[in-house]
PDB file of N, CA and C in Angstrom:
ATOM      1  N   MET A   1     181.719 -18.862 -45.200  1.00  0.00           N
ATOM      2  CA  MET A   1     180.644 -17.943 -45.360  1.00  0.00           C
ATOM      3  C   MET A   1     181.255 -16.592 -45.695  1.00  0.00           C
ATOM      4  N   SER A   2     180.607 -15.900 -46.577  1.00  0.00           N
ATOM      5  CA  SER A   2     181.048 -14.583 -47.008  1.00  0.00           C
ATOM      6  C   SER A   2     180.207 -13.517 -46.370  1.00  0.00           C
ATOM      7  N   SER A   3     180.763 -12.420 -45.976  1.00  0.00           N
ATOM      8  CA  SER A   3     179.977 -11.305 -45.439  1.00  0.00           C
ATOM      9  C   SER A   3     179.872 -10.128 -46.432  1.00  0.00           C
ATOM     10  N   GLU A   4     179.898 -10.481 -47.742  1.00  0.00           N
ATOM     11  CA  GLU A   4     179.809  -9.443 -48.797  1.00  0.00           C
ATOM     12  C   GLU A   4     178.381  -8.916 -48.809  1.00  0.00           C
ATOM     13  N   THR A   5     178.274  -7.613 -48.998  1.00  0.00           N
ATOM     14  CA  THR A   5     176.982  -6.950 -49.115  1.00  0.00           C
ATOM     15  C   THR A   5     176.532  -6.933 -50.581  1.00  0.00           C
ATOM     16  N   VAL A   6     175.374  -7.399 -50.819  1.00  0.00           N
ATOM     17  CA  VAL A   6     174.796  -7.398 -52.191  1.00  0.00           C
ATOM     18  C   VAL A   6     174.047  -6.074 -52.406  1.00  0.00           C
ATOM     19  N   VAL A   7     174.453  -5.315 -53.392  1.00  0.00           N
ATOM     20  CA  VAL A   7     173.800  -4.080 -53.728  1.00  0.00           C
ATOM     21  C   VAL A   7     172.893  -4.255 -54.928  1.00  0.00           C
ATOM     22  N   GLU A   8     171.598  -4.024 -54.718  1.00  0.00           N
ATOM     23  CA  GLU A   8     170.644  -4.172 -55.791  1.00  0.00           C
ATOM     24  C   GLU A   8     170.739  -2.915 -56.672  1.00  0.00           C
ATOM     25  N   PRO A   9     170.696  -3.100 -57.980  1.00  0.00           N
ATOM     26  CA  PRO A   9     170.712  -1.905 -58.848  1.00  0.00           C
ATOM     27  C   PRO A   9     169.409  -1.129 -58.742  1.00  0.00           C
ATOM     28  N   VAL A  10     169.499   0.170 -58.781  1.00  0.00           N
ATOM     29  CA  VAL A  10     168.352   1.067 -58.636  1.00  0.00           C
ATOM     30  C   VAL A  10     168.084   1.690 -60.024  1.00  0.00           C
ATOM     31  N   SER A  11     166.835   1.595 -60.390  1.00  0.00           N
ATOM     32  CA  SER A  11     166.448   2.188 -61.684  1.00  0.00           C
ATOM     33  C   SER A  11     166.673   3.681 -61.599  1.00  0.00           C
ATOM     34  N   PRO A  12     167.257   4.272 -62.651  1.00  0.00           N
ATOM     35  CA  PRO A  12     167.455   5.726 -62.661  1.00  0.00           C
ATOM     36  C   PRO A  12     166.199   6.512 -62.688  1.00  0.00           C
ATOM     37  N   LEU A  13     166.211   7.647 -62.030  1.00  0.00           N
ATOM     38  CA  LEU A  13     165.044   8.543 -62.072  1.00  0.00           C
ATOM     39  C   LEU A  13     165.194   9.515 -63.222  1.00  0.00           C
ATOM     40  N   LEU A  14     164.203   9.684 -63.957  1.00  0.00           N
ATOM     41  CA  LEU A  14     164.205  10.584 -65.167  1.00  0.00           C
ATOM     42  C   LEU A  14     163.216  11.688 -64.884  1.00  0.00           C
ATOM     43  N   ASP A  15     163.426  12.847 -65.468  1.00  0.00           N
ATOM     44  CA  ASP A  15     162.462  13.932 -65.369  1.00  0.00           C
ATOM     45  C   ASP A  15     161.519  13.871 -66.572  1.00  0.00           C
ATOM     46  N   SER A  16     160.533  14.774 -66.522  1.00  0.00           N
ATOM     47  CA  SER A  16     159.485  14.771 -67.566  1.00  0.00           C
ATOM     48  C   SER A  16     160.082  14.984 -68.940  1.00  0.00           C
ATOM     49  N   ARG A  17     161.053  15.807 -69.089  1.00  0.00           N
ATOM     50  CA  ARG A  17     161.666  16.100 -70.410  1.00  0.00           C
ATOM     51  C   ARG A  17     162.279  14.797 -70.935  1.00  0.00           C
ATOM     52  N   GLU A  18     163.050  14.139 -70.079  1.00  0.00           N
ATOM     53  CA  GLU A  18     163.693  12.885 -70.528  1.00  0.00           C
ATOM     54  C   GLU A  18     162.705  11.809 -70.923  1.00  0.00           C
ATOM     55  N   VAL A  19     161.637  11.628 -70.114  1.00  0.00           N
ATOM     56  CA  VAL A  19     160.625  10.598 -70.385  1.00  0.00           C
ATOM     57  C   VAL A  19     159.853  10.969 -71.648  1.00  0.00           C
ATOM     58  N   ALA A  20     159.533  12.228 -71.825  1.00  0.00           N
ATOM     59  CA  ALA A  20     158.797  12.612 -73.049  1.00  0.00           C
ATOM     60  C   ALA A  20     159.685  12.286 -74.254  1.00  0.00           C
ATOM     61  N   ALA A  21     160.960  12.540 -74.184  1.00  0.00           N
ATOM     62  CA  ALA A  21     161.863  12.236 -75.304  1.00  0.00           C
ATOM     63  C   ALA A  21     161.941  10.747 -75.512  1.00  0.00           C
ATOM     64  N   TYR A  22     162.024  10.012 -74.436  1.00  0.00           N
ATOM     65  CA  TYR A  22     162.125   8.521 -74.482  1.00  0.00           C
ATOM     66  C   TYR A  22     160.873   7.930 -75.153  1.00  0.00           C
ATOM     67  N   LEU A  23     159.692   8.491 -74.835  1.00  0.00           N
ATOM     68  CA  LEU A  23     158.452   8.020 -75.405  1.00  0.00           C
ATOM     69  C   LEU A  23     158.061   8.661 -76.696  1.00  0.00           C
ATOM     70  N   LYS A  24     158.878   9.694 -77.085  1.00  0.00           N
ATOM     71  CA  LYS A  24     158.613  10.425 -78.342  1.00  0.00           C
ATOM     72  C   LYS A  24     157.242  11.052 -78.329  1.00  0.00           C
ATOM     73  N   VAL A  25     156.890  11.698 -77.212  1.00  0.00           N
ATOM     74  CA  VAL A  25     155.683  12.490 -77.053  1.00  0.00           C
ATOM     75  C   VAL A  25     156.108  13.854 -76.519  1.00  0.00           C
ATOM     76  N   SER A  26     155.189  14.833 -76.529  1.00  0.00           N
ATOM     77  CA  SER A  26     155.579  16.125 -76.045  1.00  0.00           C
ATOM     78  C   SER A  26     155.414  16.100 -74.459  1.00  0.00           C
ATOM     79  N   GLU A  27     156.058  17.048 -73.830  1.00  0.00           N
ATOM     80  CA  GLU A  27     155.922  17.166 -72.352  1.00  0.00           C
ATOM     81  C   GLU A  27     154.475  17.470 -71.987  1.00  0.00           C
ATOM     82  N   SER A  28     153.727  18.140 -72.824  1.00  0.00           N
ATOM     83  CA  SER A  28     152.399  18.507 -72.493  1.00  0.00           C
ATOM     84  C   SER A  28     151.515  17.238 -72.586  1.00  0.00           C
ATOM     85  N   THR A  29     151.816  16.364 -73.475  1.00  0.00           N
ATOM     86  CA  THR A  29     151.100  15.069 -73.515  1.00  0.00           C
ATOM     87  C   THR A  29     151.378  14.236 -72.281  1.00  0.00           C
ATOM     88  N   LEU A  30     152.648  14.199 -71.881  1.00  0.00           N
ATOM     89  CA  LEU A  30     152.962  13.473 -70.639  1.00  0.00           C
ATOM     90  C   LEU A  30     152.311  14.093 -69.469  1.00  0.00           C
ATOM     91  N   SER A  31     152.220  15.436 -69.400  1.00  0.00           N
ATOM     92  CA  SER A  31     151.514  16.096 -68.289  1.00  0.00           C
ATOM     93  C   SER A  31     149.994  15.783 -68.282  1.00  0.00           C
ATOM     94  N   ARG A  32     149.435  15.731 -69.476  1.00  0.00           N
ATOM     95  CA  ARG A  32     148.032  15.373 -69.605  1.00  0.00           C
ATOM     96  C   ARG A  32     147.755  13.959 -69.138  1.00  0.00           C
ATOM     97  N   TRP A  33     148.660  13.080 -69.534  1.00  0.00           N
ATOM     98  CA  TRP A  33     148.523  11.693 -69.055  1.00  0.00           C
ATOM     99  C   TRP A  33     148.627  11.559 -67.575  1.00  0.00           C
ATOM    100  N   ARG A  34     149.531  12.337 -66.945  1.00  0.00           N
ATOM    101  CA  ARG A  34     149.695  12.353 -65.451  1.00  0.00           C
ATOM    102  C   ARG A  34     148.363  12.785 -64.842  1.00  0.00           C
ATOM    103  N   SER A  35     147.812  13.858 -65.324  1.00  0.00           N
ATOM    104  CA  SER A  35     146.566  14.397 -64.792  1.00  0.00           C
ATOM    105  C   SER A  35     145.432  13.428 -64.923  1.00  0.00           C
ATOM    106  N   ALA A  36     145.370  12.690 -66.053  1.00  0.00           N
ATOM    107  CA  ALA A  36     144.291  11.730 -66.289  1.00  0.00           C
ATOM    108  C   ALA A  36     144.525  10.427 -65.629  1.00  0.00           C
ATOM    109  N   GLY A  37     145.795  10.191 -65.100  1.00  0.00           N
ATOM    110  CA  GLY A  37     146.092   8.931 -64.494  1.00  0.00           C
ATOM    111  C   GLY A  37     146.282   7.769 -65.460  1.00  0.00           C
ATOM    112  N   THR A  38     146.601   8.138 -66.752  1.00  0.00           N
ATOM    113  CA  THR A  38     146.717   7.063 -67.772  1.00  0.00           C
ATOM    114  C   THR A  38     148.229   6.903 -68.210  1.00  0.00           C
ATOM    115  N   GLY A  39     149.090   7.663 -67.732  1.00  0.00           N
ATOM    116  CA  GLY A  39     150.472   7.587 -68.191  1.00  0.00           C
ATOM    117  C   GLY A  39     151.265   6.687 -67.317  1.00  0.00           C
ATOM    118  N   PRO A  40     152.612   6.686 -67.526  1.00  0.00           N
ATOM    119  CA  PRO A  40     153.449   5.803 -66.687  1.00  0.00           C
ATOM    120  C   PRO A  40     153.431   6.279 -65.241  1.00  0.00           C
ATOM    121  N   PRO A  41     153.711   5.369 -64.272  1.00  0.00           N
ATOM    122  CA  PRO A  41     153.751   5.740 -62.858  1.00  0.00           C
ATOM    123  C   PRO A  41     154.863   6.699 -62.602  1.00  0.00           C
ATOM    124  N   PHE A  42     154.629   7.611 -61.664  1.00  0.00           N
ATOM    125  CA  PHE A  42     155.644   8.612 -61.403  1.00  0.00           C
ATOM    126  C   PHE A  42     155.704   8.886 -59.872  1.00  0.00           C
ATOM    127  N   LEU A  43     156.772   9.569 -59.441  1.00  0.00           N
ATOM    128  CA  LEU A  43     156.942   9.987 -58.059  1.00  0.00           C
ATOM    129  C   LEU A  43     156.947  11.511 -58.030  1.00  0.00           C
ATOM    130  N   ARG A  44     156.517  12.107 -56.946  1.00  0.00           N
ATOM    131  CA  ARG A  44     156.619  13.537 -56.769  1.00  0.00           C
ATOM    132  C   ARG A  44     157.755  13.809 -55.738  1.00  0.00           C
ATOM    133  N   LEU A  45     158.811  14.441 -56.153  1.00  0.00           N
ATOM    134  CA  LEU A  45     159.916  14.767 -55.281  1.00  0.00           C
ATOM    135  C   LEU A  45     160.036  16.299 -55.241  1.00  0.00           C
ATOM    136  N   GLY A  46     159.673  16.864 -54.200  1.00  0.00           N
ATOM    137  CA  GLY A  46     159.719  18.340 -54.043  1.00  0.00           C
ATOM    138  C   GLY A  46     158.812  18.972 -55.079  1.00  0.00           C
ATOM    139  N   GLY A  47     157.688  18.400 -55.377  1.00  0.00           N
ATOM    140  CA  GLY A  47     156.746  18.946 -56.308  1.00  0.00           C
ATOM    141  C   GLY A  47     157.038  18.644 -57.730  1.00  0.00           C
ATOM    142  N   ILE A  48     158.120  17.951 -58.023  1.00  0.00           N
ATOM    143  CA  ILE A  48     158.574  17.670 -59.384  1.00  0.00           C
ATOM    144  C   ILE A  48     158.348  16.243 -59.705  1.00  0.00           C
ATOM    145  N   ALA A  49     157.697  15.918 -60.855  1.00  0.00           N
ATOM    146  CA  ALA A  49     157.486  14.578 -61.267  1.00  0.00           C
ATOM    147  C   ALA A  49     158.756  13.913 -61.696  1.00  0.00           C
ATOM    148  N   ARG A  50     159.033  12.697 -61.190  1.00  0.00           N
ATOM    149  CA  ARG A  50     160.166  11.920 -61.605  1.00  0.00           C
ATOM    150  C   ARG A  50     159.621  10.484 -61.942  1.00  0.00           C
ATOM    151  N   TYR A  51     160.300   9.877 -62.861  1.00  0.00           N
ATOM    152  CA  TYR A  51     159.919   8.558 -63.336  1.00  0.00           C
ATOM    153  C   TYR A  51     161.074   7.545 -63.175  1.00  0.00           C
ATOM    154  N   ARG A  52     160.765   6.351 -62.727  1.00  0.00           N
ATOM    155  CA  ARG A  52     161.723   5.276 -62.701  1.00  0.00           C
ATOM    156  C   ARG A  52     161.755   4.665 -64.084  1.00  0.00           C
ATOM    157  N   LEU A  53     162.907   4.528 -64.673  1.00  0.00           N
ATOM    158  CA  LEU A  53     162.961   3.933 -66.054  1.00  0.00           C
ATOM    159  C   LEU A  53     162.353   2.565 -66.092  1.00  0.00           C
ATOM    160  N   ASP A  54     162.627   1.713 -65.162  1.00  0.00           N
ATOM    161  CA  ASP A  54     161.991   0.362 -65.236  1.00  0.00           C
ATOM    162  C   ASP A  54     160.471   0.401 -65.093  1.00  0.00           C
ATOM    163  N   ALA A  55     159.934   1.373 -64.351  1.00  0.00           N
ATOM    164  CA  ALA A  55     158.420   1.502 -64.261  1.00  0.00           C
ATOM    165  C   ALA A  55     157.896   1.962 -65.606  1.00  0.00           C
ATOM    166  N   VAL A  56     158.611   2.855 -66.279  1.00  0.00           N
ATOM    167  CA  VAL A  56     158.158   3.350 -67.600  1.00  0.00           C
ATOM    168  C   VAL A  56     158.138   2.154 -68.618  1.00  0.00           C
ATOM    169  N   ASP A  57     159.199   1.333 -68.539  1.00  0.00           N
ATOM    170  CA  ASP A  57     159.297   0.186 -69.418  1.00  0.00           C
ATOM    171  C   ASP A  57     158.224  -0.861 -69.113  1.00  0.00           C
ATOM    172  N   ARG A  58     157.880  -1.068 -67.830  1.00  0.00           N
ATOM    173  CA  ARG A  58     156.755  -1.953 -67.526  1.00  0.00           C
ATOM    174  C   ARG A  58     155.460  -1.445 -67.978  1.00  0.00           C
ATOM    175  N   TRP A  59     155.284  -0.147 -67.846  1.00  0.00           N
ATOM    176  CA  TRP A  59     154.032   0.490 -68.367  1.00  0.00           C
ATOM    177  C   TRP A  59     153.913   0.268 -69.888  1.00  0.00           C
ATOM    178  N   LEU A  60     154.994   0.453 -70.605  1.00  0.00           N
ATOM    179  CA  LEU A  60     154.966   0.265 -72.045  1.00  0.00           C
ATOM    180  C   LEU A  60     154.620  -1.202 -72.381  1.00  0.00           C
ATOM    181  N   THR A  61     155.192  -2.110 -71.620  1.00  0.00           N
ATOM    182  CA  THR A  61     154.926  -3.549 -71.852  1.00  0.00           C
ATOM    183  C   THR A  61     153.484  -3.867 -71.733  1.00  0.00           C
ATOM    184  N   GLY A  62     152.888  -3.201 -70.718  1.00  0.00           N
ATOM    185  CA  GLY A  62     151.383  -3.396 -70.487  1.00  0.00           C
ATOM    186  C   GLY A  62     150.532  -2.858 -71.599  1.00  0.00           C
ATOM    187  N   LEU A  63     151.127  -1.961 -72.407  1.00  0.00           N
ATOM    188  CA  LEU A  63     150.324  -1.408 -73.570  1.00  0.00           C
ATOM    189  C   LEU A  63     150.452  -2.239 -74.834  1.00  0.00           C
ATOM    190  N   GLU A  64     151.380  -3.201 -74.883  1.00  0.00           N
ATOM    191  CA  GLU A  64     151.594  -3.980 -76.065  1.00  0.00           C
ATOM    192  C   GLU A  64     150.371  -4.860 -76.369  1.00  0.00           C
ATOM    193  N   HIS A  65     150.164  -5.011 -77.652  1.00  0.00           N
ATOM    194  CA  HIS A  65     149.056  -5.840 -78.126  1.00  0.00           C
ATOM    195  C   HIS A  65     149.601  -6.951 -78.950  1.00  0.00           C
ATOM    196  N   ASP A  66     148.999  -8.121 -78.903  1.00  0.00           N
ATOM    197  CA  ASP A  66     149.364  -9.253 -79.744  1.00  0.00           C
ATOM    198  C   ASP A  66     148.493  -9.127 -80.998  1.00  0.00           C
ATOM    199  N   HIS A  67     149.090  -8.982 -82.131  1.00  0.00           N
ATOM    200  CA  HIS A  67     148.337  -8.719 -83.382  1.00  0.00           C
ATOM    201  C   HIS A  67     147.388  -9.939 -83.692  1.00  0.00           C
ATOM    202  N   ALA A  68     147.820 -11.082 -83.271  1.00  0.00           N
ATOM    203  CA  ALA A  68     146.961 -12.266 -83.546  1.00  0.00           C
ATOM    204  C   ALA A  68     145.650 -12.229 -82.835  1.00  0.00           C
ATOM    205  N   SER A  69     145.633 -11.560 -81.677  1.00  0.00           N
ATOM    206  CA  SER A  69     144.407 -11.550 -80.847  1.00  0.00           C
ATOM    207  C   SER A  69     143.518 -10.354 -81.175  1.00  0.00           C
ATOM    208  N   GLN A  70     143.916  -9.514 -82.107  1.00  0.00           N
ATOM    209  CA  GLN A  70     143.135  -8.331 -82.388  1.00  0.00           C
ATOM    210  C   GLN A  70     142.014  -8.595 -83.359  1.00  0.00           C
ATOM    211  N   GLY A  71     141.901  -9.782 -83.956  1.00  0.00           N
ATOM    212  CA  GLY A  71     140.772 -10.116 -84.790  1.00  0.00           C
ATOM    213  C   GLY A  71     140.803  -9.336 -86.042  1.00  0.00           C
TER     214      GLY A  71
END
């Protein structure tokens, strides 16, 4: 038996500027999405919005459409 500790990788936290660049939208668009509750999930740390990269990617996946089903 091994007593090795398994460390799970943690998704990096990105700030609004980084996520806006990643999504190719303005920071004001990202802020508007936050206010409307329609953007990617975020955390508030000390009053500053932070985003987990894997959560942003999951949010993007949820927006994808299958062209065959669009009629």
